[in-house]
């Protein structure tokens, strides 16, 4: 059940002779001032949970909140209630993140602080039940780096066409990498919120990039000005399976 929790959180968060789009660190991305998206999470052909991703403009900068919780049979077997909060500057460069995770009997808190001036990210994970530090580390980061959720919003501003790719600087506080994102092709897909024309992307975060385990991450963004993430899918080994996240509702 912890695999479901990890993948659900990751899925909403992100990852040749083809043309490349290079990030412009000095420019501010164009994003909605406020947005709230509700998703259903499918795991092993059952609805295993829901997620709510909200986004607000700050003064200056941006803030996002991702709530992931199990439902139905999965919740009876292993209850998950996670909240992830992150803050970014006006260019979507990560400043801080906080994950509060309730998973079964486990209750943990993970804080990451990104210090652009010092070129360093600090990671601290604490067991709130036992009251001790589980893990603490530091890693070097570039002047502008994204967390996984911030990278998803940054992807939306790049507006990649099929055949194009980009390199995004990512860090989870423990590792710092340049992750490749490729726009693959156009697809029309069905979700609980309706039918969408999309561009399917692959983000290369697995296979010892940001995450060590083998796997693939696909993201479907609407083929319009909004570039809404309407479907996200994480595919891992057979014993873990596939987690599919689909847009259920755009909240107003």
C-alpha atoms as a PDB file:
ATOM      1  CA  UNK A   1       0.000   0.000   0.000  1.00  0.00           C
ATOM      2  CA  UNK A   2       2.928   2.343   0.531  1.00  0.00           C
ATOM      3  CA  UNK A   3       3.740   1.909  -3.156  1.00  0.00           C
ATOM      4  CA  UNK A   4       0.297   3.323  -4.000  1.00  0.00           C
ATOM      5  CA  UNK A   5       0.908   6.332  -1.754  1.00  0.00           C
ATOM      6  CA  UNK A   6       4.338   7.032  -3.169  1.00  0.00           C
ATOM      7  CA  UNK A   7       3.230   6.723  -6.780  1.00  0.00           C
ATOM      8  CA  UNK A   8       0.101   8.798  -6.321  1.00  0.00           C
ATOM      9  CA  UNK A   9       2.100  11.637  -4.800  1.00  0.00           C
ATOM     10  CA  UNK A  10       4.757  11.372  -7.490  1.00  0.00           C
ATOM     11  CA  UNK A  11       2.253  11.145 -10.323  1.00  0.00           C
ATOM     12  CA  UNK A  12       0.969  14.591  -9.468  1.00  0.00           C
ATOM     13  CA  UNK A  13       4.074  16.001  -8.887  1.00  0.00           C
ATOM     14  CA  UNK A  14       6.791  15.000 -12.093  1.00  0.00           C
ATOM     15  CA  UNK A  15      10.223  14.287 -15.478  1.00  0.00           C
ATOM     16  CA  UNK A  16      18.302  12.480 -30.253  1.00  0.00           C
ATOM     17  CA  UNK A  17      18.045  14.602 -32.982  1.00  0.00           C
ATOM     18  CA  UNK A  18      14.804  16.170 -31.929  1.00  0.00           C
ATOM     19  CA  UNK A  19      14.591  19.933 -31.321  1.00  0.00           C
ATOM     20  CA  UNK A  20      15.249  21.061 -27.736  1.00  0.00           C
ATOM     21  CA  UNK A  21      13.526  23.778 -25.753  1.00  0.00           C
ATOM     22  CA  UNK A  22      15.807  25.338 -23.165  1.00  0.00           C
ATOM     23  CA  UNK A  23      14.363  26.839 -19.984  1.00  0.00           C
ATOM     24  CA  UNK A  24      14.545  30.597 -19.698  1.00  0.00           C
ATOM     25  CA  UNK A  25      15.378  31.148 -16.040  1.00  0.00           C
ATOM     26  CA  UNK A  26      15.009  34.887 -16.272  1.00  0.00           C
ATOM     27  CA  UNK A  27      11.416  34.918 -17.538  1.00  0.00           C
ATOM     28  CA  UNK A  28       8.271  34.556 -15.444  1.00  0.00           C
ATOM     29  CA  UNK A  29       5.943  31.765 -16.623  1.00  0.00           C
ATOM     30  CA  UNK A  30       2.339  32.491 -17.569  1.00  0.00           C
ATOM     31  CA  UNK A  31      -0.018  30.503 -15.313  1.00  0.00           C
ATOM     32  CA  UNK A  32      -3.517  31.047 -13.888  1.00  0.00           C
ATOM     33  CA  UNK A  33      -3.658  33.169 -10.757  1.00  0.00           C
ATOM     34  CA  UNK A  34      -5.699  30.470  -9.050  1.00  0.00           C
ATOM     35  CA  UNK A  35      -6.606  26.874  -9.892  1.00  0.00           C
ATOM     36  CA  UNK A  36      -7.969  23.751  -8.141  1.00  0.00           C
ATOM     37  CA  UNK A  37      -8.083  20.328  -9.811  1.00  0.00           C
ATOM     38  CA  UNK A  38      -9.665  17.164  -8.378  1.00  0.00           C
ATOM     39  CA  UNK A  39      -8.345  13.779  -9.557  1.00  0.00           C
ATOM     40  CA  UNK A  40      -9.329  10.131  -9.205  1.00  0.00           C
ATOM     41  CA  UNK A  41      -6.549   7.592  -8.626  1.00  0.00           C
ATOM     42  CA  UNK A  42      -6.787   4.098 -10.112  1.00  0.00           C
ATOM     43  CA  UNK A  43      -4.520   1.277  -8.959  1.00  0.00           C
ATOM     44  CA  UNK A  44      -4.864  -2.361 -10.009  1.00  0.00           C
ATOM     45  CA  UNK A  45      -8.147  -1.592 -11.817  1.00  0.00           C
ATOM     46  CA  UNK A  46      -9.872  -0.147  -8.736  1.00  0.00           C
ATOM     47  CA  UNK A  47     -10.450   3.423  -7.609  1.00  0.00           C
ATOM     48  CA  UNK A  48      -7.906   3.628  -4.824  1.00  0.00           C
ATOM     49  CA  UNK A  49      -8.002   7.292  -3.888  1.00  0.00           C
ATOM     50  CA  UNK A  50      -8.419  10.925  -4.789  1.00  0.00           C
ATOM     51  CA  UNK A  51      -6.092  13.892  -5.042  1.00  0.00           C
ATOM     52  CA  UNK A  52      -6.693  17.623  -4.998  1.00  0.00           C
ATOM     53  CA  UNK A  53      -4.095  19.946  -6.509  1.00  0.00           C
ATOM     54  CA  UNK A  54      -4.500  23.666  -5.826  1.00  0.00           C
ATOM     55  CA  UNK A  55      -2.452  26.598  -7.027  1.00  0.00           C
ATOM     56  CA  UNK A  56      -2.433  30.254  -5.983  1.00  0.00           C
ATOM     57  CA  UNK A  57      -0.398  33.307  -6.872  1.00  0.00           C
ATOM     58  CA  UNK A  58       1.583  34.906  -4.046  1.00  0.00           C
ATOM     59  CA  UNK A  59       3.191  38.323  -3.661  1.00  0.00           C
ATOM     60  CA  UNK A  60       5.527  37.549  -5.282  1.00  0.00           C
ATOM     61  CA  UNK A  61       5.777  33.928  -6.310  1.00  0.00           C
ATOM     62  CA  UNK A  62       3.434  30.945  -6.137  1.00  0.00           C
ATOM     63  CA  UNK A  63       2.125  28.380  -3.678  1.00  0.00           C
ATOM     64  CA  UNK A  64       0.699  24.916  -4.287  1.00  0.00           C
ATOM     65  CA  UNK A  65      -0.980  22.277  -2.141  1.00  0.00           C
ATOM     66  CA  UNK A  66      -1.463  18.613  -3.006  1.00  0.00           C
ATOM     67  CA  UNK A  67      -3.735  16.438  -0.864  1.00  0.00           C
ATOM     68  CA  UNK A  68      -3.698  12.679  -1.523  1.00  0.00           C
ATOM     69  CA  UNK A  69      -6.002  10.290   0.331  1.00  0.00           C
ATOM     70  CA  UNK A  70      -7.060   6.677  -0.067  1.00  0.00           C
ATOM     71  CA  UNK A  71     -10.705   5.656  -0.527  1.00  0.00           C
ATOM     72  CA  UNK A  72     -12.843   2.519  -0.528  1.00  0.00           C
ATOM     73  CA  UNK A  73     -11.225  -0.869   0.001  1.00  0.00           C
ATOM     74  CA  UNK A  74      -7.701   0.529  -0.106  1.00  0.00           C
ATOM     75  CA  UNK A  75      -8.535   2.947   2.699  1.00  0.00           C
ATOM     76  CA  UNK A  76      -9.907   0.101   4.830  1.00  0.00           C
ATOM     77  CA  UNK A  77      -6.729  -1.917   4.327  1.00  0.00           C
ATOM     78  CA  UNK A  78      -4.227   0.925   4.596  1.00  0.00           C
ATOM     79  CA  UNK A  79      -5.428   4.476   5.192  1.00  0.00           C
ATOM     80  CA  UNK A  80      -3.474   7.270   3.524  1.00  0.00           C
ATOM     81  CA  UNK A  81      -3.916  10.993   4.209  1.00  0.00           C
ATOM     82  CA  UNK A  82      -1.036  13.082   2.876  1.00  0.00           C
ATOM     83  CA  UNK A  83      -0.662  16.837   2.460  1.00  0.00           C
ATOM     84  CA  UNK A  84       2.152  18.398   0.425  1.00  0.00           C
ATOM     85  CA  UNK A  85       2.749  22.160   0.405  1.00  0.00           C
ATOM     86  CA  UNK A  86       5.371  23.986  -1.652  1.00  0.00           C
ATOM     87  CA  UNK A  87       6.388  27.573  -2.344  1.00  0.00           C
ATOM     88  CA  UNK A  88       8.125  28.948  -5.439  1.00  0.00           C
ATOM     89  CA  UNK A  89       9.429  32.298  -6.570  1.00  0.00           C
ATOM     90  CA  UNK A  90       7.973  34.106  -9.571  1.00  0.00           C
ATOM     91  CA  UNK A  91      10.029  31.908 -11.950  1.00  0.00           C
ATOM     92  CA  UNK A  92       8.820  28.653 -10.320  1.00  0.00           C
ATOM     93  CA  UNK A  93      12.191  28.091  -8.663  1.00  0.00           C
ATOM     94  CA  UNK A  94      11.587  26.026  -5.514  1.00  0.00           C
ATOM     95  CA  UNK A  95      11.927  27.737  -2.131  1.00  0.00           C
ATOM     96  CA  UNK A  96      10.507  25.184   0.320  1.00  0.00           C
ATOM     97  CA  UNK A  97       8.275  22.133   0.631  1.00  0.00           C
ATOM     98  CA  UNK A  98       6.542  20.315   3.475  1.00  0.00           C
ATOM     99  CA  UNK A  99       5.055  16.814   3.313  1.00  0.00           C
ATOM    100  CA  UNK A 100       2.896  15.578   6.185  1.00  0.00           C
ATOM    101  CA  UNK A 101       2.184  11.876   5.718  1.00  0.00           C
ATOM    102  CA  UNK A 102      -0.330   9.744   7.627  1.00  0.00           C
ATOM    103  CA  UNK A 103       0.026   6.177   6.326  1.00  0.00           C
ATOM    104  CA  UNK A 104      -1.517   3.462   8.427  1.00  0.00           C
ATOM    105  CA  UNK A 105       0.067   3.867  11.859  1.00  0.00           C
ATOM    106  CA  UNK A 106       2.975   5.881  10.478  1.00  0.00           C
ATOM    107  CA  UNK A 107       3.040   9.677  10.846  1.00  0.00           C
ATOM    108  CA  UNK A 108       5.975  11.520   9.280  1.00  0.00           C
ATOM    109  CA  UNK A 109       6.960  15.028   8.273  1.00  0.00           C
ATOM    110  CA  UNK A 110       9.461  15.887   5.548  1.00  0.00           C
ATOM    111  CA  UNK A 111      10.800  19.420   5.052  1.00  0.00           C
ATOM    112  CA  UNK A 112      12.997  20.585   2.201  1.00  0.00           C
ATOM    113  CA  UNK A 113      14.521  24.069   2.111  1.00  0.00           C
ATOM    114  CA  UNK A 114      16.056  25.331  -1.137  1.00  0.00           C
ATOM    115  CA  UNK A 115      18.719  28.019  -0.653  1.00  0.00           C
ATOM    116  CA  UNK A 116      19.500  29.386  -4.105  1.00  0.00           C
ATOM    117  CA  UNK A 117      22.148  31.826  -2.857  1.00  0.00           C
ATOM    118  CA  UNK A 118      24.071  29.086  -1.058  1.00  0.00           C
ATOM    119  CA  UNK A 119      23.406  26.600  -3.874  1.00  0.00           C
ATOM    120  CA  UNK A 120      22.140  24.019  -1.405  1.00  0.00           C
ATOM    121  CA  UNK A 121      18.979  22.071  -0.556  1.00  0.00           C
ATOM    122  CA  UNK A 122      18.424  20.744   2.965  1.00  0.00           C
ATOM    123  CA  UNK A 123      16.307  17.618   3.585  1.00  0.00           C
ATOM    124  CA  UNK A 124      14.869  16.663   6.984  1.00  0.00           C
ATOM    125  CA  UNK A 125      12.474  13.764   7.618  1.00  0.00           C
ATOM    126  CA  UNK A 126      11.034  13.241  11.105  1.00  0.00           C
ATOM    127  CA  UNK A 127       8.947  10.477  12.673  1.00  0.00           C
ATOM    128  CA  UNK A 128       6.234  12.434  14.495  1.00  0.00           C
ATOM    129  CA  UNK A 129       5.026   9.380  16.412  1.00  0.00           C
ATOM    130  CA  UNK A 130       8.393   8.390  17.850  1.00  0.00           C
ATOM    131  CA  UNK A 131       9.794  11.921  17.916  1.00  0.00           C
ATOM    132  CA  UNK A 132      13.110  11.311  16.172  1.00  0.00           C
ATOM    133  CA  UNK A 133      14.874  12.222  12.921  1.00  0.00           C
ATOM    134  CA  UNK A 134      14.598   9.534  10.238  1.00  0.00           C
ATOM    135  CA  UNK A 135      16.854  11.140   7.639  1.00  0.00           C
ATOM    136  CA  UNK A 136      18.788  14.379   7.172  1.00  0.00           C
ATOM    137  CA  UNK A 137      20.933  15.382   4.212  1.00  0.00           C
ATOM    138  CA  UNK A 138      22.116  18.229   1.995  1.00  0.00           C
ATOM    139  CA  UNK A 139      22.733  18.426  -1.723  1.00  0.00           C
ATOM    140  CA  UNK A 140      24.071  21.028  -4.130  1.00  0.00           C
ATOM    141  CA  UNK A 141      21.518  22.703  -6.417  1.00  0.00           C
ATOM    142  CA  UNK A 142      21.704  25.177  -9.324  1.00  0.00           C
ATOM    143  CA  UNK A 143      20.494  28.768  -9.078  1.00  0.00           C
ATOM    144  CA  UNK A 144      16.975  27.678 -10.074  1.00  0.00           C
ATOM    145  CA  UNK A 145      15.666  24.196  -9.335  1.00  0.00           C
ATOM    146  CA  UNK A 146      12.160  22.684  -9.249  1.00  0.00           C
ATOM    147  CA  UNK A 147      10.536  20.163  -6.987  1.00  0.00           C
ATOM    148  CA  UNK A 148       8.427  17.498  -8.728  1.00  0.00           C
ATOM    149  CA  UNK A 149       5.133  19.420  -8.434  1.00  0.00           C
ATOM    150  CA  UNK A 150       6.717  22.693  -9.524  1.00  0.00           C
ATOM    151  CA  UNK A 151       8.202  20.895 -12.524  1.00  0.00           C
ATOM    152  CA  UNK A 152       4.689  19.898 -13.597  1.00  0.00           C
ATOM    153  CA  UNK A 153       3.659  23.563 -13.689  1.00  0.00           C
ATOM    154  CA  UNK A 154       6.889  24.479 -15.475  1.00  0.00           C
ATOM    155  CA  UNK A 155       6.137  21.846 -18.107  1.00  0.00           C
ATOM    156  CA  UNK A 156       2.822  23.556 -18.793  1.00  0.00           C
ATOM    157  CA  UNK A 157       4.561  26.829 -19.636  1.00  0.00           C
ATOM    158  CA  UNK A 158       7.030  25.249 -22.084  1.00  0.00           C
ATOM    159  CA  UNK A 159       4.291  24.240 -24.573  1.00  0.00           C
ATOM    160  CA  UNK A 160       6.356  21.490 -26.152  1.00  0.00           C
ATOM    161  CA  UNK A 161       5.269  20.179 -29.539  1.00  0.00           C
ATOM    162  CA  UNK A 162       5.603  16.468 -30.441  1.00  0.00           C
ATOM    163  CA  UNK A 163       9.253  15.791 -31.230  1.00  0.00           C
ATOM    164  CA  UNK A 164      10.552  18.506 -28.898  1.00  0.00           C
ATOM    165  CA  UNK A 165      12.169  17.975 -25.507  1.00  0.00           C
ATOM    166  CA  UNK A 166      13.418  20.013 -22.555  1.00  0.00           C
ATOM    167  CA  UNK A 167      15.793  19.561 -19.637  1.00  0.00           C
ATOM    168  CA  UNK A 168      14.436  20.592 -16.229  1.00  0.00           C
ATOM    169  CA  UNK A 169      16.604  20.962 -13.094  1.00  0.00           C
ATOM    170  CA  UNK A 170      14.898  18.933 -10.335  1.00  0.00           C
ATOM    171  CA  UNK A 171      15.638  18.177  -6.698  1.00  0.00           C
ATOM    172  CA  UNK A 172      13.822  16.319  -3.926  1.00  0.00           C
ATOM    173  CA  UNK A 173      16.291  17.609  -1.345  1.00  0.00           C
ATOM    174  CA  UNK A 174      18.353  14.419  -1.443  1.00  0.00           C
ATOM    175  CA  UNK A 175      19.401  14.418  -5.094  1.00  0.00           C
ATOM    176  CA  UNK A 176      19.668  17.077  -7.782  1.00  0.00           C
ATOM    177  CA  UNK A 177      19.401  16.172 -11.472  1.00  0.00           C
ATOM    178  CA  UNK A 178      18.640  17.491 -14.937  1.00  0.00           C
ATOM    179  CA  UNK A 179      15.530  15.568 -15.983  1.00  0.00           C
ATOM    180  CA  UNK A 180      14.557  15.169 -19.621  1.00  0.00           C
ATOM    181  CA  UNK A 181      10.942  15.702 -20.708  1.00  0.00           C
ATOM    182  CA  UNK A 182       9.812  14.664 -24.194  1.00  0.00           C
ATOM    183  CA  UNK A 183       6.597  15.549 -26.023  1.00  0.00           C
ATOM    184  CA  UNK A 184       5.649  12.320 -27.805  1.00  0.00           C
ATOM    185  CA  UNK A 185       2.408  12.637 -29.761  1.00  0.00           C
ATOM    186  CA  UNK A 186      -1.136  13.965 -29.831  1.00  0.00           C
ATOM    187  CA  UNK A 187      -3.915  11.807 -28.383  1.00  0.00           C
ATOM    188  CA  UNK A 188      -7.612  12.182 -27.631  1.00  0.00           C
ATOM    189  CA  UNK A 189      -8.408  10.666 -24.227  1.00  0.00           C
ATOM    190  CA  UNK A 190     -11.474  10.127 -22.030  1.00  0.00           C
ATOM    191  CA  UNK A 191     -11.446  11.091 -18.355  1.00  0.00           C
ATOM    192  CA  UNK A 192     -14.199  11.372 -15.713  1.00  0.00           C
ATOM    193  CA  UNK A 193     -14.337  15.098 -16.498  1.00  0.00           C
ATOM    194  CA  UNK A 194     -14.787  14.596 -20.247  1.00  0.00           C
ATOM    195  CA  UNK A 195     -12.910  14.091 -23.499  1.00  0.00           C
ATOM    196  CA  UNK A 196      -9.732  16.030 -24.239  1.00  0.00           C
ATOM    197  CA  UNK A 197      -7.306  16.515 -27.106  1.00  0.00           C
ATOM    198  CA  UNK A 198      -3.889  16.199 -25.519  1.00  0.00           C
ATOM    199  CA  UNK A 199      -0.151  16.044 -26.043  1.00  0.00           C
ATOM    200  CA  UNK A 200       1.380  13.008 -24.327  1.00  0.00           C
ATOM    201  CA  UNK A 201       4.731  13.611 -22.607  1.00  0.00           C
ATOM    202  CA  UNK A 202       7.237  11.336 -20.942  1.00  0.00           C
ATOM    203  CA  UNK A 203       9.252  12.603 -17.976  1.00  0.00           C
ATOM    204  CA  UNK A 204      12.434  10.639 -17.282  1.00  0.00           C
ATOM    205  CA  UNK A 205      12.623  10.566 -13.479  1.00  0.00           C
ATOM    206  CA  UNK A 206      13.071   6.840 -12.874  1.00  0.00           C
ATOM    207  CA  UNK A 207      15.900   4.417 -13.703  1.00  0.00           C
ATOM    208  CA  UNK A 208      18.410   6.077 -11.364  1.00  0.00           C
ATOM    209  CA  UNK A 209      17.670   9.649 -12.442  1.00  0.00           C
ATOM    210  CA  UNK A 210      15.790  11.261  -9.527  1.00  0.00           C
ATOM    211  CA  UNK A 211      14.389   7.905  -8.372  1.00  0.00           C
ATOM    212  CA  UNK A 212      16.463   4.729  -8.421  1.00  0.00           C
ATOM    213  CA  UNK A 213      13.764   2.185  -9.220  1.00  0.00           C
ATOM    214  CA  UNK A 214      12.945   1.338 -12.858  1.00  0.00           C
ATOM    215  CA  UNK A 215       9.756   2.834 -14.227  1.00  0.00           C
ATOM    216  CA  UNK A 216       8.143   5.283 -16.633  1.00  0.00           C
ATOM    217  CA  UNK A 217       6.126   8.456 -16.081  1.00  0.00           C
ATOM    218  CA  UNK A 218       3.665   9.767 -18.695  1.00  0.00           C
ATOM    219  CA  UNK A 219       1.771  13.062 -18.549  1.00  0.00           C
ATOM    220  CA  UNK A 220      -1.099  14.138 -20.815  1.00  0.00           C
ATOM    221  CA  UNK A 221      -1.504  17.935 -21.131  1.00  0.00           C
ATOM    222  CA  UNK A 222      -4.433  19.472 -22.998  1.00  0.00           C
ATOM    223  CA  UNK A 223      -3.575  20.648 -26.500  1.00  0.00           C
ATOM    224  CA  UNK A 224      -4.743  24.212 -25.867  1.00  0.00           C
ATOM    225  CA  UNK A 225      -3.628  27.362 -24.080  1.00  0.00           C
ATOM    226  CA  UNK A 226      -4.389  25.923 -20.621  1.00  0.00           C
ATOM    227  CA  UNK A 227      -2.094  22.888 -20.892  1.00  0.00           C
ATOM    228  CA  UNK A 228      -4.116  21.225 -18.133  1.00  0.00           C
ATOM    229  CA  UNK A 229      -2.688  17.950 -16.766  1.00  0.00           C
ATOM    230  CA  UNK A 230      -5.720  15.716 -17.381  1.00  0.00           C
ATOM    231  CA  UNK A 231      -4.016  12.330 -17.014  1.00  0.00           C
ATOM    232  CA  UNK A 232      -0.809  11.128 -15.359  1.00  0.00           C
ATOM    233  CA  UNK A 233       0.421   7.548 -15.303  1.00  0.00           C
ATOM    234  CA  UNK A 234       3.263   5.848 -13.453  1.00  0.00           C
ATOM    235  CA  UNK A 235       4.271   2.404 -14.728  1.00  0.00           C
ATOM    236  CA  UNK A 236       6.484   0.247 -12.525  1.00  0.00           C
ATOM    237  CA  UNK A 237       7.369  -3.420 -12.220  1.00  0.00           C
ATOM    238  CA  UNK A 238       4.609  -6.024 -12.322  1.00  0.00           C
ATOM    239  CA  UNK A 239       4.492  -6.537  -8.545  1.00  0.00           C
ATOM    240  CA  UNK A 240       3.824  -2.810  -8.041  1.00  0.00           C
ATOM    241  CA  UNK A 241       1.793  -2.149 -11.173  1.00  0.00           C
ATOM    242  CA  UNK A 242       0.440   1.012 -12.743  1.00  0.00           C
ATOM    243  CA  UNK A 243      -1.120   4.046 -11.085  1.00  0.00           C
ATOM    244  CA  UNK A 244      -3.344   6.178 -13.326  1.00  0.00           C
ATOM    245  CA  UNK A 245      -4.477   9.628 -12.204  1.00  0.00           C
ATOM    246  CA  UNK A 246      -7.320  11.262 -14.173  1.00  0.00           C
ATOM    247  CA  UNK A 247      -8.943  14.672 -13.915  1.00  0.00           C
ATOM    248  CA  UNK A 248     -12.360  14.352 -12.303  1.00  0.00           C
ATOM    249  CA  UNK A 249     -13.348  17.963 -11.798  1.00  0.00           C
ATOM    250  CA  UNK A 250     -12.122  21.517 -12.264  1.00  0.00           C
ATOM    251  CA  UNK A 251     -13.192  23.341  -9.113  1.00  0.00           C
ATOM    252  CA  UNK A 252     -14.286  26.962  -9.196  1.00  0.00           C
END
